[in-house]
């Protein structure tokens, strides 16, 4: 897997994992461009994106971590996790937030692996599709 800076086109080409496929209609070109930045990367296999992730600044010392995984990311999950941990360590934010659907057990597990702690068990209607999410944060 090659790690490259995230570009909007990567997320638009990504074949999302089953748990995130319902978000596809909401991922517009404008949204994808908003995610571009210094702390965003793409994992490519044979030139195709299998994972995209990053941290979007909210304000000084606070960022929002986001990630979209492709259906073929599984075999590369260990490397994706290492890159994500490096990104989190390098980011200049004291507080980094992330959320995951309440019912998505793998999302909860991964966020804990990345050093996040749950702060809110359920944020009602938080997701773009109207679903509920749990809020996690990683604070230095």
N, C-alpha and C. Protein backbone atom coordinates (compact mmCIF):
# COMPACT_ATOMS: atom_id res chain seq x y z
N UNK A 1 0.85 -1.18 0.00
CA UNK A 1 0.00 0.00 0.00
C UNK A 1 0.89 1.24 0.00
N UNK A 2 0.56 2.18 -0.85
CA UNK A 2 1.26 3.47 -0.91
C UNK A 2 0.42 4.52 -0.19
N UNK A 3 1.08 5.34 0.62
CA UNK A 3 0.41 6.43 1.32
C UNK A 3 0.73 7.73 0.59
N UNK A 4 -0.32 8.45 0.20
CA UNK A 4 -0.15 9.71 -0.53
C UNK A 4 -1.05 10.77 0.10
N UNK A 5 -0.77 12.04 -0.15
CA UNK A 5 -1.67 13.09 0.34
C UNK A 5 -3.08 12.90 -0.23
N UNK A 6 -4.06 13.13 0.60
CA UNK A 6 -5.46 12.99 0.18
C UNK A 6 -5.82 14.06 -0.84
N UNK A 7 -6.53 13.62 -1.89
CA UNK A 7 -7.12 14.52 -2.88
C UNK A 7 -8.59 14.18 -3.00
N UNK A 8 -9.41 15.17 -3.26
CA UNK A 8 -10.87 14.98 -3.34
C UNK A 8 -11.26 13.81 -4.22
N UNK A 9 -10.59 13.64 -5.33
CA UNK A 9 -10.94 12.56 -6.26
C UNK A 9 -10.81 11.18 -5.62
N UNK A 10 -9.94 11.05 -4.62
CA UNK A 10 -9.75 9.74 -3.98
C UNK A 10 -11.03 9.24 -3.33
N UNK A 11 -11.69 10.09 -2.58
CA UNK A 11 -12.90 9.65 -1.89
C UNK A 11 -14.02 9.40 -2.88
N UNK A 12 -14.02 10.13 -3.98
CA UNK A 12 -15.06 9.95 -4.99
C UNK A 12 -14.87 8.64 -5.75
N UNK A 13 -13.65 8.10 -5.77
CA UNK A 13 -13.36 6.82 -6.43
C UNK A 13 -13.41 5.64 -5.46
N UNK A 14 -13.46 5.91 -4.17
CA UNK A 14 -13.40 4.86 -3.16
C UNK A 14 -14.68 4.01 -3.15
N UNK A 15 -14.50 2.70 -3.19
CA UNK A 15 -15.63 1.76 -3.06
C UNK A 15 -15.82 1.51 -1.57
N UNK A 16 -16.74 2.23 -0.95
CA UNK A 16 -16.90 2.23 0.50
C UNK A 16 -17.23 0.86 1.07
N UNK A 17 -16.73 0.62 2.29
CA UNK A 17 -17.10 -0.59 3.02
C UNK A 17 -18.61 -0.56 3.28
N UNK A 18 -19.17 -1.72 3.52
CA UNK A 18 -20.63 -1.85 3.69
C UNK A 18 -21.20 -0.88 4.71
N UNK A 19 -20.53 -0.72 5.84
CA UNK A 19 -21.04 0.14 6.91
C UNK A 19 -21.13 1.61 6.51
N UNK A 20 -20.38 2.03 5.51
CA UNK A 20 -20.38 3.44 5.12
C UNK A 20 -21.05 3.69 3.76
N UNK A 21 -21.51 2.67 3.10
CA UNK A 21 -22.09 2.84 1.75
C UNK A 21 -23.28 3.79 1.74
N UNK A 22 -24.03 3.83 2.80
CA UNK A 22 -25.18 4.72 2.86
C UNK A 22 -24.82 6.19 2.85
N UNK A 23 -23.54 6.49 3.09
CA UNK A 23 -23.08 7.89 3.07
C UNK A 23 -22.73 8.38 1.68
N UNK A 24 -22.58 7.47 0.74
CA UNK A 24 -22.12 7.82 -0.61
C UNK A 24 -22.92 8.97 -1.24
N UNK A 25 -24.25 9.01 -1.15
CA UNK A 25 -24.99 10.11 -1.78
C UNK A 25 -24.66 11.48 -1.18
N UNK A 26 -24.13 11.51 0.02
CA UNK A 26 -23.83 12.77 0.68
C UNK A 26 -22.40 13.27 0.43
N UNK A 27 -21.57 12.43 -0.19
CA UNK A 27 -20.18 12.81 -0.43
C UNK A 27 -20.10 13.50 -1.79
N UNK A 28 -20.25 14.80 -1.74
CA UNK A 28 -20.20 15.62 -2.95
C UNK A 28 -18.76 16.04 -3.23
N UNK A 29 -18.55 16.58 -4.41
CA UNK A 29 -17.22 17.08 -4.75
C UNK A 29 -16.83 18.22 -3.79
N UNK A 30 -17.77 19.10 -3.47
CA UNK A 30 -17.49 20.21 -2.55
C UNK A 30 -17.08 19.68 -1.17
N UNK A 31 -17.78 18.66 -0.69
CA UNK A 31 -17.44 18.06 0.61
C UNK A 31 -16.05 17.44 0.54
N UNK A 32 -15.77 16.72 -0.52
CA UNK A 32 -14.47 16.07 -0.68
C UNK A 32 -13.35 17.10 -0.71
N UNK A 33 -13.55 18.23 -1.37
CA UNK A 33 -12.54 19.30 -1.41
C UNK A 33 -12.31 19.88 -0.02
N UNK A 34 -13.36 19.97 0.77
CA UNK A 34 -13.23 20.51 2.13
C UNK A 34 -12.32 19.63 2.99
N UNK A 35 -12.26 18.33 2.70
CA UNK A 35 -11.46 17.40 3.49
C UNK A 35 -9.97 17.46 3.15
N UNK A 36 -9.63 18.05 2.01
CA UNK A 36 -8.22 18.16 1.64
C UNK A 36 -7.48 19.01 2.66
N UNK A 37 -6.25 18.63 2.97
CA UNK A 37 -5.48 19.44 3.90
C UNK A 37 -4.19 18.77 4.29
N UNK A 38 -3.43 19.46 5.10
CA UNK A 38 -2.11 18.99 5.51
C UNK A 38 -2.15 17.65 6.26
N UNK A 39 -3.22 17.41 6.99
CA UNK A 39 -3.30 16.20 7.81
C UNK A 39 -4.34 15.24 7.26
N UNK A 40 -4.24 14.95 5.97
CA UNK A 40 -5.16 14.01 5.32
C UNK A 40 -4.35 13.12 4.36
N UNK A 41 -4.66 11.84 4.35
CA UNK A 41 -3.92 10.90 3.51
C UNK A 41 -4.86 9.91 2.85
N UNK A 42 -4.30 9.25 1.84
CA UNK A 42 -5.00 8.18 1.13
C UNK A 42 -4.09 6.97 1.07
N UNK A 43 -4.66 5.80 1.29
CA UNK A 43 -3.95 4.55 1.06
C UNK A 43 -4.34 4.02 -0.31
N UNK A 44 -3.33 3.83 -1.18
CA UNK A 44 -3.57 3.34 -2.54
C UNK A 44 -3.00 1.94 -2.70
N UNK A 45 -3.74 1.08 -3.37
CA UNK A 45 -3.26 -0.25 -3.75
C UNK A 45 -3.50 -0.36 -5.25
N UNK A 46 -2.42 -0.60 -5.98
CA UNK A 46 -2.49 -0.65 -7.45
C UNK A 46 -3.17 0.59 -8.02
N UNK A 47 -2.87 1.74 -7.41
CA UNK A 47 -3.41 3.01 -7.89
C UNK A 47 -4.83 3.31 -7.49
N UNK A 48 -5.48 2.39 -6.78
CA UNK A 48 -6.87 2.59 -6.37
C UNK A 48 -6.95 2.90 -4.87
N UNK A 49 -7.75 3.89 -4.48
CA UNK A 49 -7.89 4.21 -3.05
C UNK A 49 -8.62 3.10 -2.30
N UNK A 50 -8.05 2.71 -1.16
CA UNK A 50 -8.73 1.72 -0.30
C UNK A 50 -9.10 2.31 1.06
N UNK A 51 -8.51 3.46 1.38
CA UNK A 51 -8.84 4.15 2.64
C UNK A 51 -8.42 5.60 2.51
N UNK A 52 -9.22 6.49 3.09
CA UNK A 52 -8.88 7.90 3.17
C UNK A 52 -9.19 8.35 4.60
N UNK A 53 -8.34 9.20 5.12
CA UNK A 53 -8.54 9.67 6.49
C UNK A 53 -7.83 10.99 6.68
N UNK A 54 -8.22 11.70 7.72
CA UNK A 54 -7.57 12.96 8.00
C UNK A 54 -8.13 13.63 9.24
N UNK A 55 -7.59 14.80 9.49
CA UNK A 55 -8.05 15.62 10.60
C UNK A 55 -8.32 17.00 10.05
N UNK A 56 -9.54 17.46 10.22
CA UNK A 56 -9.96 18.77 9.76
C UNK A 56 -9.93 19.72 10.95
N UNK A 57 -9.28 20.88 10.82
CA UNK A 57 -9.25 21.81 11.95
C UNK A 57 -10.63 22.40 12.22
N UNK A 58 -10.99 22.46 13.50
CA UNK A 58 -12.22 23.12 13.91
C UNK A 58 -11.90 24.52 14.43
N UNK A 59 -10.87 24.60 15.25
CA UNK A 59 -10.25 25.85 15.67
C UNK A 59 -8.94 25.52 16.32
N UNK A 60 -8.20 26.50 16.79
CA UNK A 60 -6.89 26.25 17.37
C UNK A 60 -7.00 25.21 18.49
N UNK A 61 -6.16 24.20 18.41
CA UNK A 61 -6.08 23.12 19.41
C UNK A 61 -7.23 22.14 19.36
N UNK A 62 -8.08 22.19 18.34
CA UNK A 62 -9.20 21.23 18.23
C UNK A 62 -9.39 20.83 16.77
N UNK A 63 -9.37 19.51 16.52
CA UNK A 63 -9.58 19.00 15.19
C UNK A 63 -10.59 17.87 15.18
N UNK A 64 -11.13 17.59 14.01
CA UNK A 64 -12.10 16.51 13.83
C UNK A 64 -11.49 15.45 12.93
N UNK A 65 -11.35 14.25 13.46
CA UNK A 65 -10.79 13.12 12.72
C UNK A 65 -11.90 12.45 11.91
N UNK A 66 -11.59 12.11 10.67
CA UNK A 66 -12.56 11.45 9.79
C UNK A 66 -11.85 10.33 9.04
N UNK A 67 -12.63 9.35 8.63
CA UNK A 67 -12.06 8.21 7.91
C UNK A 67 -13.15 7.52 7.09
N UNK A 68 -12.79 7.17 5.88
CA UNK A 68 -13.66 6.36 5.03
C UNK A 68 -12.83 5.17 4.57
N UNK A 69 -13.33 3.98 4.83
CA UNK A 69 -12.63 2.75 4.48
C UNK A 69 -13.29 2.10 3.26
N UNK A 70 -12.46 1.55 2.41
CA UNK A 70 -12.94 0.83 1.26
C UNK A 70 -13.20 -0.63 1.58
N UNK A 71 -13.94 -1.27 0.72
CA UNK A 71 -14.29 -2.68 0.90
C UNK A 71 -13.06 -3.58 0.87
N UNK A 72 -11.96 -3.11 0.26
CA UNK A 72 -10.74 -3.92 0.15
C UNK A 72 -9.66 -3.52 1.16
N UNK A 73 -10.02 -2.76 2.19
CA UNK A 73 -9.03 -2.26 3.15
C UNK A 73 -8.57 -3.32 4.14
N UNK A 74 -9.36 -4.34 4.38
CA UNK A 74 -9.08 -5.34 5.42
C UNK A 74 -7.65 -5.85 5.48
N UNK A 75 -7.08 -6.35 4.38
CA UNK A 75 -5.72 -6.88 4.43
C UNK A 75 -4.66 -5.83 4.77
N UNK A 76 -5.01 -4.56 4.69
CA UNK A 76 -4.06 -3.47 4.92
C UNK A 76 -4.35 -2.73 6.22
N UNK A 77 -5.23 -3.29 7.04
CA UNK A 77 -5.71 -2.60 8.23
C UNK A 77 -4.60 -2.27 9.22
N UNK A 78 -3.63 -3.16 9.39
CA UNK A 78 -2.53 -2.90 10.33
C UNK A 78 -1.73 -1.68 9.87
N UNK A 79 -1.41 -1.61 8.58
CA UNK A 79 -0.65 -0.46 8.07
C UNK A 79 -1.49 0.81 8.15
N UNK A 80 -2.77 0.73 7.84
CA UNK A 80 -3.66 1.90 7.94
C UNK A 80 -3.67 2.41 9.37
N UNK A 81 -3.74 1.50 10.33
CA UNK A 81 -3.75 1.88 11.74
C UNK A 81 -2.44 2.57 12.13
N UNK A 82 -1.31 2.05 11.67
CA UNK A 82 -0.02 2.68 11.98
C UNK A 82 0.06 4.09 11.41
N UNK A 83 -0.41 4.27 10.18
CA UNK A 83 -0.39 5.59 9.56
C UNK A 83 -1.32 6.53 10.32
N UNK A 84 -2.48 6.04 10.71
CA UNK A 84 -3.44 6.87 11.47
C UNK A 84 -2.84 7.29 12.81
N UNK A 85 -2.16 6.38 13.50
CA UNK A 85 -1.52 6.72 14.78
C UNK A 85 -0.43 7.78 14.58
N UNK A 86 0.36 7.66 13.51
CA UNK A 86 1.37 8.67 13.21
C UNK A 86 0.72 10.03 12.94
N UNK A 87 -0.35 10.02 12.18
CA UNK A 87 -1.07 11.25 11.87
C UNK A 87 -1.57 11.91 13.15
N UNK A 88 -2.17 11.12 14.02
CA UNK A 88 -2.69 11.65 15.29
C UNK A 88 -1.57 12.22 16.15
N UNK A 89 -0.42 11.58 16.16
CA UNK A 89 0.71 12.05 16.95
C UNK A 89 1.32 13.33 16.39
N UNK A 90 1.30 13.49 15.07
CA UNK A 90 1.90 14.66 14.43
C UNK A 90 0.98 15.88 14.41
N UNK A 91 -0.31 15.65 14.49
CA UNK A 91 -1.27 16.75 14.39
C UNK A 91 -1.08 17.74 15.54
N UNK A 92 -1.21 19.03 15.26
CA UNK A 92 -0.92 20.05 16.26
C UNK A 92 -2.08 20.36 17.21
N UNK A 93 -3.04 19.47 17.27
CA UNK A 93 -4.23 19.74 18.08
C UNK A 93 -4.14 19.07 19.45
N UNK A 94 -4.54 19.79 20.47
CA UNK A 94 -4.59 19.20 21.81
C UNK A 94 -5.77 18.23 21.92
N UNK A 95 -6.88 18.59 21.30
CA UNK A 95 -8.09 17.76 21.33
C UNK A 95 -8.46 17.37 19.91
N UNK A 96 -8.61 16.06 19.69
CA UNK A 96 -9.06 15.55 18.40
C UNK A 96 -10.32 14.73 18.66
N UNK A 97 -11.38 15.06 17.97
CA UNK A 97 -12.66 14.36 18.13
C UNK A 97 -12.91 13.43 16.95
N UNK A 98 -13.69 12.40 17.21
CA UNK A 98 -14.13 11.48 16.17
C UNK A 98 -15.47 10.92 16.61
N UNK A 99 -16.24 10.45 15.65
CA UNK A 99 -17.50 9.80 16.00
C UNK A 99 -17.66 8.55 15.15
N UNK A 100 -18.52 7.67 15.63
CA UNK A 100 -18.83 6.44 14.92
C UNK A 100 -20.29 6.10 15.16
N UNK A 101 -20.95 5.46 14.21
CA UNK A 101 -22.33 5.06 14.44
C UNK A 101 -22.43 4.21 15.72
N UNK A 102 -23.45 4.45 16.49
CA UNK A 102 -23.61 3.76 17.78
C UNK A 102 -23.53 2.24 17.64
N UNK A 103 -24.09 1.70 16.58
CA UNK A 103 -24.18 0.25 16.42
C UNK A 103 -22.96 -0.37 15.71
N UNK A 104 -22.01 0.45 15.28
CA UNK A 104 -20.86 -0.04 14.51
C UNK A 104 -19.73 -0.46 15.46
N UNK A 105 -19.75 -1.71 15.88
CA UNK A 105 -18.79 -2.22 16.88
C UNK A 105 -17.34 -2.06 16.43
N UNK A 106 -17.06 -2.31 15.15
CA UNK A 106 -15.70 -2.20 14.65
C UNK A 106 -15.19 -0.75 14.73
N UNK A 107 -16.08 0.21 14.52
CA UNK A 107 -15.70 1.62 14.63
C UNK A 107 -15.32 1.98 16.05
N UNK A 108 -16.10 1.50 17.01
CA UNK A 108 -15.79 1.73 18.43
C UNK A 108 -14.44 1.11 18.78
N UNK A 109 -14.23 -0.11 18.33
CA UNK A 109 -12.98 -0.83 18.65
C UNK A 109 -11.78 -0.11 18.06
N UNK A 110 -11.89 0.36 16.80
CA UNK A 110 -10.77 1.02 16.16
C UNK A 110 -10.45 2.35 16.85
N UNK A 111 -11.48 3.11 17.19
CA UNK A 111 -11.22 4.38 17.86
C UNK A 111 -10.51 4.17 19.19
N UNK A 112 -10.88 3.13 19.92
CA UNK A 112 -10.17 2.83 21.18
C UNK A 112 -8.73 2.42 20.89
N UNK A 113 -8.50 1.65 19.82
CA UNK A 113 -7.13 1.27 19.44
C UNK A 113 -6.28 2.50 19.12
N UNK A 114 -6.92 3.54 18.60
CA UNK A 114 -6.22 4.76 18.23
C UNK A 114 -6.04 5.72 19.42
N UNK A 115 -6.50 5.31 20.59
CA UNK A 115 -6.30 6.12 21.79
C UNK A 115 -7.42 7.07 22.12
N UNK A 116 -8.56 6.91 21.46
CA UNK A 116 -9.72 7.76 21.76
C UNK A 116 -10.49 7.19 22.94
N UNK A 117 -11.15 8.09 23.67
CA UNK A 117 -12.03 7.68 24.76
C UNK A 117 -13.43 8.20 24.48
N UNK A 118 -14.44 7.38 24.79
CA UNK A 118 -15.81 7.79 24.54
C UNK A 118 -16.21 8.90 25.52
N UNK A 119 -16.81 9.94 24.97
CA UNK A 119 -17.29 11.04 25.80
C UNK A 119 -18.82 11.12 25.80
N UNK A 120 -19.44 10.67 24.74
CA UNK A 120 -20.91 10.68 24.67
C UNK A 120 -21.35 9.39 23.99
N UNK A 121 -22.13 8.62 24.70
CA UNK A 121 -22.57 7.32 24.19
C UNK A 121 -23.52 7.45 23.00
N UNK A 122 -24.34 8.50 23.00
CA UNK A 122 -25.29 8.66 21.90
C UNK A 122 -25.55 10.14 21.64
N UNK A 123 -25.24 10.56 20.43
CA UNK A 123 -25.61 11.89 19.95
C UNK A 123 -26.72 11.66 18.93
N UNK A 124 -27.93 11.97 19.30
CA UNK A 124 -29.08 11.68 18.47
C UNK A 124 -29.10 12.50 17.20
N UNK A 125 -29.39 11.82 16.09
CA UNK A 125 -29.51 12.45 14.76
C UNK A 125 -28.25 13.24 14.39
N UNK A 126 -27.10 12.77 14.78
CA UNK A 126 -25.84 13.47 14.54
C UNK A 126 -25.32 13.28 13.12
N UNK A 127 -25.56 12.14 12.54
CA UNK A 127 -25.01 11.83 11.21
C UNK A 127 -25.82 12.49 10.10
N UNK A 128 -25.19 12.65 8.97
CA UNK A 128 -25.83 13.27 7.81
C UNK A 128 -27.06 12.48 7.36
N UNK A 129 -27.06 11.18 7.62
CA UNK A 129 -28.22 10.35 7.24
C UNK A 129 -29.27 10.29 8.34
N UNK A 130 -29.09 11.06 9.40
CA UNK A 130 -30.06 11.10 10.49
C UNK A 130 -29.80 10.10 11.59
N UNK A 131 -28.79 9.25 11.44
CA UNK A 131 -28.49 8.24 12.45
C UNK A 131 -27.76 8.81 13.66
N UNK A 132 -27.69 7.98 14.69
CA UNK A 132 -27.05 8.36 15.94
C UNK A 132 -25.58 7.95 15.94
N UNK A 133 -24.76 8.75 16.59
CA UNK A 133 -23.33 8.47 16.71
C UNK A 133 -22.87 8.58 18.15
N UNK A 134 -21.76 7.92 18.43
CA UNK A 134 -21.06 8.07 19.71
C UNK A 134 -19.89 9.02 19.48
N UNK A 135 -19.64 9.89 20.44
CA UNK A 135 -18.54 10.85 20.34
C UNK A 135 -17.33 10.35 21.12
N UNK A 136 -16.19 10.39 20.47
CA UNK A 136 -14.91 10.03 21.08
C UNK A 136 -13.98 11.23 21.01
N UNK A 137 -13.02 11.29 21.91
CA UNK A 137 -11.99 12.33 21.86
C UNK A 137 -10.66 11.76 22.30
N UNK A 138 -9.61 12.35 21.78
CA UNK A 138 -8.23 12.03 22.15
C UNK A 138 -7.62 13.36 22.58
N UNK A 139 -7.29 13.46 23.85
CA UNK A 139 -6.82 14.74 24.40
C UNK A 139 -5.41 14.55 24.95
N UNK A 140 -4.51 15.45 24.59
CA UNK A 140 -3.14 15.42 25.12
C UNK A 140 -3.04 16.23 26.37
